C-alpha atoms as a PDB file:
ATOM      1  CA  MET A   1      14.811 -23.731   3.095  1.00  0.00           C
ATOM      2  CA  SER A   2      15.381 -27.442   3.786  1.00  0.00           C
ATOM      3  CA  ASP A   3      12.530 -29.932   4.167  1.00  0.00           C
ATOM      4  CA  GLN A   4      13.748 -30.616   7.727  1.00  0.00           C
ATOM      5  CA  LYS A   5      13.307 -26.963   8.653  1.00  0.00           C
ATOM      6  CA  PHE A   6       9.792 -27.014   7.198  1.00  0.00           C
ATOM      7  CA  LEU A   7       8.950 -30.002   9.392  1.00  0.00           C
ATOM      8  CA  GLU A   8       9.946 -27.883  12.394  1.00  0.00           C
ATOM      9  CA  ASN A   9       7.987 -24.819  11.262  1.00  0.00           C
ATOM     10  CA  ILE A  10       4.472 -25.819  10.318  1.00  0.00           C
ATOM     11  CA  TYR A  11       1.629 -23.527  11.349  1.00  0.00           C
ATOM     12  CA  HIS A  12      -2.089 -24.299  11.344  1.00  0.00           C
ATOM     13  CA  PRO A  13      -4.107 -21.106  11.901  1.00  0.00           C
ATOM     14  CA  ASP A  14      -7.796 -21.046  11.095  1.00  0.00           C
ATOM     15  CA  VAL A  15      -7.192 -17.988   8.920  1.00  0.00           C
ATOM     16  CA  LEU A  16      -4.012 -16.998   7.103  1.00  0.00           C
ATOM     17  CA  ILE A  17      -3.908 -13.287   6.236  1.00  0.00           C
ATOM     18  CA  PHE A  18      -1.641 -11.920   3.503  1.00  0.00           C
ATOM     19  CA  GLY A  19      -0.795  -8.321   4.373  1.00  0.00           C
ATOM     20  CA  ALA A  20      -0.177  -6.422   7.628  1.00  0.00           C
ATOM     21  CA  GLY A  21      -1.631  -3.097   6.574  1.00  0.00           C
ATOM     22  CA  PHE A  22      -4.759  -1.564   8.079  1.00  0.00           C
ATOM     23  CA  SER A  23      -7.067  -4.113   6.421  1.00  0.00           C
ATOM     24  CA  GLY A  24      -4.998  -7.170   7.308  1.00  0.00           C
ATOM     25  CA  LEU A  25      -4.538  -6.203  10.949  1.00  0.00           C
ATOM     26  CA  SER A  26      -8.209  -5.251  11.253  1.00  0.00           C
ATOM     27  CA  THR A  27      -9.183  -8.650   9.859  1.00  0.00           C
ATOM     28  CA  ALA A  28      -6.969 -10.347  12.446  1.00  0.00           C
ATOM     29  CA  LEU A  29      -8.777  -8.463  15.230  1.00  0.00           C
ATOM     30  CA  TRP A  30     -12.171  -9.415  13.878  1.00  0.00           C
ATOM     31  CA  CYS A  31     -11.139 -13.065  13.479  1.00  0.00           C
ATOM     32  CA  HIS A  32     -10.164 -13.082  17.146  1.00  0.00           C
ATOM     33  CA  SER A  33     -13.567 -11.682  18.093  1.00  0.00           C
ATOM     34  CA  GLN A  34     -15.173 -14.561  16.165  1.00  0.00           C
ATOM     35  CA  GLY A  35     -13.120 -17.183  17.994  1.00  0.00           C
ATOM     36  CA  LEU A  36     -10.822 -17.832  15.013  1.00  0.00           C
ATOM     37  CA  SER A  37      -7.055 -18.081  15.223  1.00  0.00           C
ATOM     38  CA  SER A  38      -5.136 -16.130  12.586  1.00  0.00           C
ATOM     39  CA  HIS A  39      -1.595 -15.549  11.392  1.00  0.00           C
ATOM     40  CA  VAL A  40      -0.560 -12.450   9.427  1.00  0.00           C
ATOM     41  CA  LEU A  41       2.187 -12.527   6.774  1.00  0.00           C
ATOM     42  CA  GLU A  42       3.743  -9.321   5.421  1.00  0.00           C
ATOM     43  CA  ILE A  43       6.328  -9.077   2.635  1.00  0.00           C
ATOM     44  CA  ALA A  44       7.578  -5.652   3.787  1.00  0.00           C
ATOM     45  CA  SER A  45       9.831  -5.022   6.778  1.00  0.00           C
ATOM     46  CA  LEU A  46       7.271  -2.786   8.462  1.00  0.00           C
ATOM     47  CA  GLU A  47       3.628  -3.311   9.322  1.00  0.00           C
ATOM     48  CA  GLY A  48       1.012  -0.647   8.589  1.00  0.00           C
ATOM     49  CA  GLY A  49       1.094  -0.354   4.801  1.00  0.00           C
ATOM     50  CA  GLN A  50       0.025   3.061   3.526  1.00  0.00           C
ATOM     51  CA  LEU A  51      -0.541   4.365   7.054  1.00  0.00           C
ATOM     52  CA  ASN A  52       3.231   4.824   7.186  1.00  0.00           C
ATOM     53  CA  LEU A  53       2.951   7.360   4.339  1.00  0.00           C
ATOM     54  CA  VAL A  54       0.316   9.598   5.958  1.00  0.00           C
ATOM     55  CA  TYR A  55       1.959  12.484   7.842  1.00  0.00           C
ATOM     56  CA  HIS A  56      -0.939  14.924   8.073  1.00  0.00           C
ATOM     57  CA  ARG A  57      -3.863  14.304  10.386  1.00  0.00           C
ATOM     58  CA  LEU A  58      -6.492  11.857   9.221  1.00  0.00           C
ATOM     59  CA  ARG A  59      -9.653  13.857   8.769  1.00  0.00           C
ATOM     60  CA  ASP A  60     -12.185  11.213   7.786  1.00  0.00           C
ATOM     61  CA  TYR A  61     -11.728   8.223  10.102  1.00  0.00           C
ATOM     62  CA  PRO A  62     -14.410   8.381  12.821  1.00  0.00           C
ATOM     63  CA  GLY A  63     -13.135   8.923  16.335  1.00  0.00           C
ATOM     64  CA  PHE A  64      -9.471   9.432  15.410  1.00  0.00           C
ATOM     65  CA  MET A  65      -7.645  12.680  14.596  1.00  0.00           C
ATOM     66  CA  GLY A  66      -3.978  11.654  14.629  1.00  0.00           C
ATOM     67  CA  VAL A  67      -1.576  10.860  11.780  1.00  0.00           C
ATOM     68  CA  GLY A  68      -1.255   7.540  10.009  1.00  0.00           C
ATOM     69  CA  GLY A  69       1.655   6.247  12.040  1.00  0.00           C
ATOM     70  CA  GLU A  70      -0.234   6.789  15.293  1.00  0.00           C
ATOM     71  CA  LEU A  71      -3.229   4.796  14.083  1.00  0.00           C
ATOM     72  CA  LYS A  72      -0.887   2.042  12.891  1.00  0.00           C
ATOM     73  CA  ASN A  73       0.751   1.891  16.314  1.00  0.00           C
ATOM     74  CA  PHE A  74      -2.583   1.676  18.143  1.00  0.00           C
ATOM     75  CA  LEU A  75      -3.803  -1.084  15.829  1.00  0.00           C
ATOM     76  CA  TYR A  76      -0.574  -3.079  15.974  1.00  0.00           C
ATOM     77  CA  ARG A  77      -0.573  -2.807  19.768  1.00  0.00           C
ATOM     78  CA  GLN A  78      -4.104  -4.266  19.847  1.00  0.00           C
ATOM     79  CA  VAL A  79      -3.025  -7.182  17.686  1.00  0.00           C
ATOM     80  CA  SER A  80       0.095  -7.776  19.796  1.00  0.00           C
ATOM     81  CA  MET A  81      -1.870  -7.716  23.055  1.00  0.00           C
ATOM     82  CA  LEU A  82      -4.041 -10.528  21.683  1.00  0.00           C
ATOM     83  CA  LYS A  83      -0.857 -12.471  20.798  1.00  0.00           C
ATOM     84  CA  ILE A  84      -1.829 -12.702  17.135  1.00  0.00           C
ATOM     85  CA  PRO A  85       1.387 -13.562  15.243  1.00  0.00           C
ATOM     86  CA  VAL A  86       2.567 -11.122  12.565  1.00  0.00           C
ATOM     87  CA  ASP A  87       5.579 -12.192  10.499  1.00  0.00           C
ATOM     88  CA  LYS A  88       7.342  -9.609   8.303  1.00  0.00           C
ATOM     89  CA  GLU A  89       9.858  -9.807   5.463  1.00  0.00           C
ATOM     90  CA  ILE A  90       8.049 -12.861   4.133  1.00  0.00           C
ATOM     91  CA  LYS A  91       9.145 -14.449   0.878  1.00  0.00           C
ATOM     92  CA  PHE A  92       6.553 -16.701  -0.715  1.00  0.00           C
ATOM     93  CA  GLU A  93       8.122 -19.754  -2.311  1.00  0.00           C
ATOM     94  CA  SER A  94       4.813 -21.274  -3.391  1.00  0.00           C
ATOM     95  CA  ILE A  95       1.099 -21.000  -2.670  1.00  0.00           C
ATOM     96  CA  ASP A  96      -1.483 -23.716  -3.194  1.00  0.00           C
ATOM     97  CA  TRP A  97      -4.684 -21.698  -3.166  1.00  0.00           C
ATOM     98  CA  GLU A  98      -6.987 -24.713  -3.286  1.00  0.00           C
ATOM     99  CA  LYS A  99      -5.302 -26.461  -0.348  1.00  0.00           C
ATOM    100  CA  LYS A 100      -4.704 -23.160   1.523  1.00  0.00           C
ATOM    101  CA  LEU A 101      -0.972 -23.872   1.794  1.00  0.00           C
ATOM    102  CA  ALA A 102       1.760 -21.245   1.736  1.00  0.00           C
ATOM    103  CA  LYS A 103       5.419 -22.210   1.644  1.00  0.00           C
ATOM    104  CA  THR A 104       7.601 -19.312   2.833  1.00  0.00           C
ATOM    105  CA  ASN A 105      11.029 -18.478   4.214  1.00  0.00           C
ATOM    106  CA  ARG A 106       9.466 -18.664   7.701  1.00  0.00           C
ATOM    107  CA  GLY A 107       7.884 -22.075   7.325  1.00  0.00           C
ATOM    108  CA  LEU A 108       4.832 -23.843   5.963  1.00  0.00           C
ATOM    109  CA  PHE A 109       1.394 -22.404   6.680  1.00  0.00           C
ATOM    110  CA  CYS A 110      -1.706 -24.568   6.378  1.00  0.00           C
ATOM    111  CA  ALA A 111      -4.989 -22.742   6.976  1.00  0.00           C
ATOM    112  CA  LYS A 112      -8.717 -23.307   6.644  1.00  0.00           C
ATOM    113  CA  ALA A 113      -9.251 -19.925   4.971  1.00  0.00           C
ATOM    114  CA  LEU A 114      -7.082 -17.297   3.302  1.00  0.00           C
ATOM    115  CA  VAL A 115      -7.584 -13.532   3.282  1.00  0.00           C
ATOM    116  CA  VAL A 116      -5.747 -11.381   0.726  1.00  0.00           C
ATOM    117  CA  ALA A 117      -5.144  -7.894   2.145  1.00  0.00           C
ATOM    118  CA  MET A 118      -1.951  -6.890   0.380  1.00  0.00           C
ATOM    119  CA  GLY A 119      -3.085  -3.427  -0.622  1.00  0.00           C
ATOM    120  CA  LEU A 120      -1.468  -1.471  -3.424  1.00  0.00           C
ATOM    121  CA  ASN A 121       1.871  -0.989  -5.158  1.00  0.00           C
ATOM    122  CA  LEU A 122       3.230   2.416  -6.098  1.00  0.00           C
ATOM    123  CA  LYS A 123       2.953   3.092  -9.825  1.00  0.00           C
ATOM    124  CA  LYS A 124       5.985   3.682 -12.025  1.00  0.00           C
ATOM    125  CA  LEU A 125       6.205   6.094 -14.953  1.00  0.00           C
ATOM    126  CA  ASN A 126       8.094   3.537 -17.080  1.00  0.00           C
ATOM    127  CA  VAL A 127      10.111   6.160 -18.968  1.00  0.00           C
ATOM    128  CA  PRO A 128      13.822   6.222 -19.929  1.00  0.00           C
ATOM    129  CA  GLY A 129      16.154   6.977 -17.038  1.00  0.00           C
ATOM    130  CA  GLU A 130      13.684   6.044 -14.301  1.00  0.00           C
ATOM    131  CA  ASP A 131      15.391   2.774 -13.397  1.00  0.00           C
ATOM    132  CA  LYS A 132      18.875   4.234 -13.910  1.00  0.00           C
ATOM    133  CA  PHE A 133      18.413   6.928 -11.260  1.00  0.00           C
ATOM    134  CA  LEU A 134      16.172   4.975  -8.901  1.00  0.00           C
ATOM    135  CA  ASP A 135      17.379   5.348  -5.294  1.00  0.00           C
ATOM    136  CA  LYS A 136      20.304   7.538  -6.404  1.00  0.00           C
ATOM    137  CA  SER A 137      18.102  10.484  -7.389  1.00  0.00           C
ATOM    138  CA  ILE A 138      14.547   9.169  -7.756  1.00  0.00           C
ATOM    139  CA  ARG A 139      12.222   7.829  -5.070  1.00  0.00           C
ATOM    140  CA  TYR A 140       8.602   6.699  -4.949  1.00  0.00           C
ATOM    141  CA  SER A 141       8.270   7.608  -1.272  1.00  0.00           C
ATOM    142  CA  ALA A 142       9.879  10.323   0.810  1.00  0.00           C
ATOM    143  CA  SER A 143       8.878   8.780   4.129  1.00  0.00           C
ATOM    144  CA  LYS A 144      12.051   6.776   4.766  1.00  0.00           C
ATOM    145  CA  ASP A 145      14.511   9.619   4.303  1.00  0.00           C
ATOM    146  CA  PHE A 146      13.361  13.219   3.980  1.00  0.00           C
ATOM    147  CA  PHE A 147      16.994  14.366   4.166  1.00  0.00           C
ATOM    148  CA  PHE A 148      17.645  12.622   0.857  1.00  0.00           C
ATOM    149  CA  PHE A 149      15.937  15.701  -0.623  1.00  0.00           C
ATOM    150  CA  LYS A 150      17.518  18.331   1.664  1.00  0.00           C
ATOM    151  CA  ASN A 151      18.980  21.377  -0.115  1.00  0.00           C
ATOM    152  CA  LYS A 152      18.076  19.903  -3.517  1.00  0.00           C
ATOM    153  CA  THR A 153      15.782  21.162  -6.245  1.00  0.00           C
ATOM    154  CA  VAL A 154      13.034  18.533  -6.396  1.00  0.00           C
ATOM    155  CA  ALA A 155      10.504  17.658  -9.089  1.00  0.00           C
ATOM    156  CA  ILE A 156       7.446  15.851  -7.757  1.00  0.00           C
ATOM    157  CA  ILE A 157       5.359  14.034 -10.343  1.00  0.00           C
ATOM    158  CA  GLY A 158       1.649  13.760  -9.580  1.00  0.00           C
ATOM    159  CA  SER A 159      -1.479  15.710  -8.699  1.00  0.00           C
ATOM    160  CA  GLY A 160      -3.130  13.799  -5.838  1.00  0.00           C
ATOM    161  CA  ASP A 161      -2.895  13.794  -2.053  1.00  0.00           C
ATOM    162  CA  GLY A 162       0.466  12.013  -1.998  1.00  0.00           C
ATOM    163  CA  ALA A 163       2.145  14.438  -4.411  1.00  0.00           C
ATOM    164  CA  VAL A 164       0.856  17.624  -2.777  1.00  0.00           C
ATOM    165  CA  GLU A 165       1.350  16.366   0.796  1.00  0.00           C
ATOM    166  CA  ASN A 166       4.991  15.520   0.076  1.00  0.00           C
ATOM    167  CA  ALA A 167       5.539  18.914  -1.549  1.00  0.00           C
ATOM    168  CA  LEU A 168       4.337  20.516   1.688  1.00  0.00           C
ATOM    169  CA  LEU A 169       6.487  18.221   3.820  1.00  0.00           C
ATOM    170  CA  LEU A 170       9.612  19.128   1.833  1.00  0.00           C
ATOM    171  CA  LEU A 171       8.991  22.888   1.948  1.00  0.00           C
ATOM    172  CA  ASP A 172      11.459  23.612   4.740  1.00  0.00           C
ATOM    173  CA  LEU A 173      14.142  21.328   3.313  1.00  0.00           C
ATOM    174  CA  CYS A 174      14.276  22.295  -0.360  1.00  0.00           C
ATOM    175  CA  PRO A 175      15.043  25.636  -2.048  1.00  0.00           C
ATOM    176  CA  LYS A 176      12.736  24.895  -4.997  1.00  0.00           C
ATOM    177  CA  ILE A 177      10.009  22.328  -5.696  1.00  0.00           C
ATOM    178  CA  TYR A 178       8.354  21.635  -9.035  1.00  0.00           C
ATOM    179  CA  LEU A 179       5.016  19.846  -9.120  1.00  0.00           C
ATOM    180  CA  VAL A 180       4.447  18.306 -12.559  1.00  0.00           C
ATOM    181  CA  VAL A 181       0.757  17.649 -13.231  1.00  0.00           C
ATOM    182  CA  ARG A 182      -0.486  15.692 -16.243  1.00  0.00           C
ATOM    183  CA  GLY A 183      -3.891  17.421 -16.342  1.00  0.00           C
ATOM    184  CA  ASP A 184      -5.140  20.953 -15.812  1.00  0.00           C
ATOM    185  CA  LYS A 185      -5.959  20.765 -12.100  1.00  0.00           C
ATOM    186  CA  LEU A 186      -4.832  19.251  -8.806  1.00  0.00           C
ATOM    187  CA  LYS A 187      -6.764  16.280  -7.419  1.00  0.00           C
ATOM    188  CA  ALA A 188      -5.575  16.598  -3.829  1.00  0.00           C
ATOM    189  CA  ARG A 189      -7.853  17.409  -0.916  1.00  0.00           C
ATOM    190  CA  GLY A 190      -8.781  21.045  -0.460  1.00  0.00           C
ATOM    191  CA  ASP A 191      -6.725  21.882   2.636  1.00  0.00           C
ATOM    192  CA  PHE A 192      -3.559  20.559   0.955  1.00  0.00           C
ATOM    193  CA  VAL A 193      -4.195  22.674  -2.148  1.00  0.00           C
ATOM    194  CA  HIS A 194      -4.856  25.768  -0.035  1.00  0.00           C
ATOM    195  CA  LYS A 195      -1.537  25.370   1.811  1.00  0.00           C
ATOM    196  CA  LEU A 196       0.272  24.795  -1.474  1.00  0.00           C
ATOM    197  CA  ARG A 197      -1.089  28.055  -2.929  1.00  0.00           C
ATOM    198  CA  LEU A 198       0.131  29.914   0.144  1.00  0.00           C
ATOM    199  CA  ASN A 199       3.657  28.725  -0.714  1.00  0.00           C
ATOM    200  CA  LYS A 200       3.673  29.303  -4.473  1.00  0.00           C
ATOM    201  CA  ASN A 201       6.972  31.194  -4.175  1.00  0.00           C
ATOM    202  CA  LYS A 202       8.708  27.879  -3.440  1.00  0.00           C
ATOM    203  CA  ILE A 203       6.383  25.390  -5.147  1.00  0.00           C
ATOM    204  CA  GLU A 204       5.861  25.851  -8.880  1.00  0.00           C
ATOM    205  CA  VAL A 205       2.979  23.856 -10.333  1.00  0.00           C
ATOM    206  CA  ILE A 206       3.396  22.898 -13.999  1.00  0.00           C
ATOM    207  CA  TYR A 207       0.124  21.805 -15.595  1.00  0.00           C
ATOM    208  CA  ASN A 208      -0.609  19.762 -18.736  1.00  0.00           C
ATOM    209  CA  GLU A 209       2.807  18.121 -18.877  1.00  0.00           C
ATOM    210  CA  GLU A 210       4.041  14.541 -18.825  1.00  0.00           C
ATOM    211  CA  VAL A 211       7.541  13.305 -18.034  1.00  0.00           C
ATOM    212  CA  THR A 212       9.148  11.709 -21.080  1.00  0.00           C
ATOM    213  CA  SER A 213      12.583  10.915 -19.632  1.00  0.00           C
ATOM    214  CA  PHE A 214      15.130  11.548 -16.877  1.00  0.00           C
ATOM    215  CA  GLU A 215      18.607  12.736 -17.940  1.00  0.00           C
ATOM    216  CA  GLY A 216      22.005  12.923 -16.285  1.00  0.00           C
ATOM    217  CA  GLU A 217      25.386  11.243 -15.975  1.00  0.00           C
ATOM    218  CA  GLU A 218      25.819   9.664 -12.541  1.00  0.00           C
ATOM    219  CA  ILE A 219      22.934  11.498 -10.876  1.00  0.00           C
ATOM    220  CA  LEU A 220      19.755  13.166 -12.127  1.00  0.00           C
ATOM    221  CA  GLU A 221      20.319  16.516 -13.830  1.00  0.00           C
ATOM    222  CA  LYS A 222      17.226  17.209 -15.935  1.00  0.00           C
ATOM    223  CA  ILE A 223      13.663  16.020 -16.428  1.00  0.00           C
ATOM    224  CA  CYS A 224      12.299  16.152 -19.974  1.00  0.00           C
ATOM    225  CA  LEU A 225       8.635  17.051 -20.425  1.00  0.00           C
ATOM    226  CA  SER A 226       6.194  16.360 -23.245  1.00  0.00           C
ATOM    227  CA  SER A 227       6.265  19.987 -24.422  1.00  0.00           C
ATOM    228  CA  GLY A 228      10.021  19.795 -24.946  1.00  0.00           C
ATOM    229  CA  LYS A 229      10.754  21.793 -21.811  1.00  0.00           C
ATOM    230  CA  LYS A 230      13.488  20.558 -19.458  1.00  0.00           C
ATOM    231  CA  LEU A 231      13.521  21.051 -15.698  1.00  0.00           C
ATOM    232  CA  THR A 232      16.878  21.288 -13.931  1.00  0.00           C
ATOM    233  CA  CYS A 233      16.735  19.352 -10.663  1.00  0.00           C
ATOM    234  CA  GLN A 234      18.743  16.906  -8.570  1.00  0.00           C
ATOM    235  CA  ARG A 235      15.939  14.827  -7.067  1.00  0.00           C
ATOM    236  CA  SER A 236      12.552  13.538  -8.175  1.00  0.00           C
ATOM    237  CA  LEU A 237       9.653  11.997  -6.291  1.00  0.00           C
ATOM    238  CA  ILE A 238       7.092  10.009  -8.287  1.00  0.00           C
ATOM    239  CA  LYS A 239       3.601   9.997  -6.757  1.00  0.00           C
ATOM    240  CA  ILE A 240       1.228   9.005  -9.560  1.00  0.00           C
ATOM    241  CA  GLY A 241      -0.970   6.580  -7.689  1.00  0.00           C
ATOM    242  CA  PHE A 242      -1.140   2.875  -7.052  1.00  0.00           C
ATOM    243  CA  THR A 243      -1.931  -0.466  -8.637  1.00  0.00           C
ATOM    244  CA  PRO A 244      -3.476  -3.437  -6.771  1.00  0.00           C
ATOM    245  CA  GLN A 245      -0.891  -5.851  -5.369  1.00  0.00           C
ATOM    246  CA  THR A 246      -2.416  -8.972  -6.889  1.00  0.00           C
ATOM    247  CA  GLN A 247       0.549 -10.592  -8.635  1.00  0.00           C
ATOM    248  CA  LEU A 248       0.225 -13.703  -6.449  1.00  0.00           C
ATOM    249  CA  LEU A 249      -3.136 -14.400  -8.103  1.00  0.00           C
ATOM    250  CA  ALA A 250      -2.671 -12.889 -11.551  1.00  0.00           C
ATOM    251  CA  ASN A 251      -0.903 -15.791 -13.276  1.00  0.00           C
ATOM    252  CA  ILE A 252      -2.912 -18.593 -11.651  1.00  0.00           C
ATOM    253  CA  TYR A 253      -6.430 -17.190 -11.463  1.00  0.00           C
ATOM    254  CA  PRO A 254      -6.596 -14.284 -13.946  1.00  0.00           C
ATOM    255  CA  GLU A 255     -10.383 -14.640 -14.072  1.00  0.00           C
ATOM    256  CA  SER A 256     -10.522 -13.656 -10.385  1.00  0.00           C
ATOM    257  CA  LEU A 257      -9.307 -10.134 -11.226  1.00  0.00           C
ATOM    258  CA  SER A 258     -10.940  -7.161 -12.888  1.00  0.00           C
ATOM    259  CA  GLN A 259      -9.410  -5.495 -15.942  1.00  0.00           C
ATOM    260  CA  GLU A 260      -7.749  -2.984 -13.623  1.00  0.00           C
ATOM    261  CA  GLY A 261      -6.270  -5.794 -11.519  1.00  0.00           C
ATOM    262  CA  HIS A 262      -8.550  -5.601  -8.476  1.00  0.00           C
ATOM    263  CA  ILE A 263      -9.769  -8.850  -6.919  1.00  0.00           C
ATOM    264  CA  LYS A 264     -13.440  -9.538  -7.593  1.00  0.00           C
ATOM    265  CA  VAL A 265     -15.462 -10.148  -4.421  1.00  0.00           C
ATOM    266  CA  ASN A 266     -19.093 -10.652  -3.473  1.00  0.00           C
ATOM    267  CA  SER A 267     -20.979  -8.916  -0.653  1.00  0.00           C
ATOM    268  CA  CYS A 268     -19.287 -11.198   1.910  1.00  0.00           C
ATOM    269  CA  GLN A 269     -15.782 -10.384   0.570  1.00  0.00           C
ATOM    270  CA  GLU A 270     -15.483 -13.876  -0.950  1.00  0.00           C
ATOM    271  CA  THR A 271     -13.441 -14.167  -4.131  1.00  0.00           C
ATOM    272  CA  LEU A 272     -14.197 -16.460  -7.052  1.00  0.00           C
ATOM    273  CA  ILE A 273     -11.818 -19.001  -5.482  1.00  0.00           C
ATOM    274  CA  PRO A 274     -13.493 -21.136  -2.781  1.00  0.00           C
ATOM    275  CA  GLY A 275     -12.066 -20.462   0.668  1.00  0.00           C
ATOM    276  CA  ILE A 276     -10.343 -17.228  -0.342  1.00  0.00           C
ATOM    277  CA  TRP A 277     -11.494 -13.795   0.850  1.00  0.00           C
ATOM    278  CA  ALA A 278     -10.129 -10.330   0.013  1.00  0.00           C
ATOM    279  CA  VAL A 279     -10.365  -7.022   1.882  1.00  0.00           C
ATOM    280  CA  GLY A 280      -9.136  -3.464   1.517  1.00  0.00           C
ATOM    281  CA  ASP A 281      -7.718  -1.552  -1.424  1.00  0.00           C
ATOM    282  CA  VAL A 282      -6.791  -4.749  -3.236  1.00  0.00           C
ATOM    283  CA  CYS A 283     -10.495  -5.300  -3.983  1.00  0.00           C
ATOM    284  CA  THR A 284     -11.883  -1.761  -3.755  1.00  0.00           C
ATOM    285  CA  PRO A 285     -11.620   0.178  -7.030  1.00  0.00           C
ATOM    286  CA  GLN A 286     -14.234   2.743  -5.978  1.00  0.00           C
ATOM    287  CA  PHE A 287     -14.292   4.911  -2.852  1.00  0.00           C
ATOM    288  CA  PRO A 288     -11.353   3.320  -0.984  1.00  0.00           C
ATOM    289  CA  SER A 289     -10.991   4.553   2.591  1.00  0.00           C
ATOM    290  CA  LEU A 290     -10.031   3.340   6.046  1.00  0.00           C
ATOM    291  CA  SER A 291     -13.702   3.133   6.999  1.00  0.00           C
ATOM    292  CA  VAL A 292     -14.446   0.886   4.029  1.00  0.00           C
ATOM    293  CA  CYS A 293     -11.458  -1.316   4.900  1.00  0.00           C
ATOM    294  CA  ALA A 294     -12.602  -1.678   8.496  1.00  0.00           C
ATOM    295  CA  GLY A 295     -16.105  -2.674   7.408  1.00  0.00           C
ATOM    296  CA  GLN A 296     -14.826  -5.190   4.885  1.00  0.00           C
ATOM    297  CA  SER A 297     -12.575  -6.769   7.533  1.00  0.00           C
ATOM    298  CA  SER A 298     -15.535  -7.276   9.838  1.00  0.00           C
ATOM    299  CA  VAL A 299     -17.677  -8.759   7.062  1.00  0.00           C
ATOM    300  CA  ALA A 300     -14.905 -11.119   5.922  1.00  0.00           C
ATOM    301  CA  ALA A 301     -14.167 -12.429   9.433  1.00  0.00           C
ATOM    302  CA  LYS A 302     -17.837 -13.063  10.158  1.00  0.00           C
ATOM    303  CA  SER A 303     -18.313 -14.722   6.779  1.00  0.00           C
ATOM    304  CA  ILE A 304     -15.330 -17.007   7.391  1.00  0.00           C
ATOM    305  CA  ALA A 305     -16.595 -17.908  10.866  1.00  0.00           C
ATOM    306  CA  LYS A 306     -19.991 -18.800   9.439  1.00  0.00           C
ATOM    307  CA  LYS A 307     -18.396 -20.972   6.735  1.00  0.00           C
ATOM    308  CA  LEU A 308     -16.104 -22.803   9.148  1.00  0.00           C
ATOM    309  CA  HIS A 309     -18.695 -23.180  11.915  1.00  0.00           C
ATOM    310  CA  PRO A 310     -22.147 -23.165  10.267  1.00  0.00           C
ATOM    311  CA  SER A 311     -23.886 -24.524  13.350  1.00  0.00           C
ATOM    312  CA  ARG A 312     -22.947 -21.529  15.501  1.00  0.00           C
ATOM    313  CA  ASP A 313     -25.460 -18.771  16.094  1.00  0.00           C
ATOM    314  CA  TYR A 314     -24.075 -15.447  14.733  1.00  0.00           C
END
């Protein structure tokens, strides 16, 4: 981007929010309620984050019983009605954390406070063949194209909600589904496990195994397991959890992160870097949930308002 274009695209929100998932959008709403302007930047092409991956009804968010996409739509509509700008497909060219400056493909953003709400990245297995067959035969999410798996034998790697939920979603599309579990039990919520057991004729759970490699010529043909066993399949879905999306901070302020990569925050959601707050899964190693994210967003917005306008009565 030329310097001339940057001169034409300079934004000065009170609060710049990195991430348009549930936590980022909630923070934008709370900033508005505190009289603060905000601007949300999202690197993905779609707002909503992990809500886009939840196809069964949410059972633990107070007052809401729909699926993830419905909650995302309601929240995004609220933000849009308040005319809070949300820019997607953002590429960060540079960030000056101390000056609260972000240079992107959409312009230069200069804020009084920054909020990191970038959530989590899907984990990789990091075994031979994983990169070779990625997109051709292997996916980390089934949400974009369920028909990619249609009429194929599928091996799903994982034991949590995401792995079991996707096995259930693919039931009517696939003749056979393997669920490869590293330990000796499933970690998914009880109702998912109950439904899975009712369909054990189509879903075979393989316990105490790890994937050592993916094999095949042009497309996936076999998955090799730690016992030496090989599974014949044409598709694989890897659902082994998430890692915090903190790479923007990792190289510059490694001391601001925990050993697991989560951002360290105090009770007001402030990080170790002055003027930087964090909310959501990116800073919540224990008990992450939508309710926790919503509470953190409220706390962060009120904390920012108090910092920027200390004379106001809150």
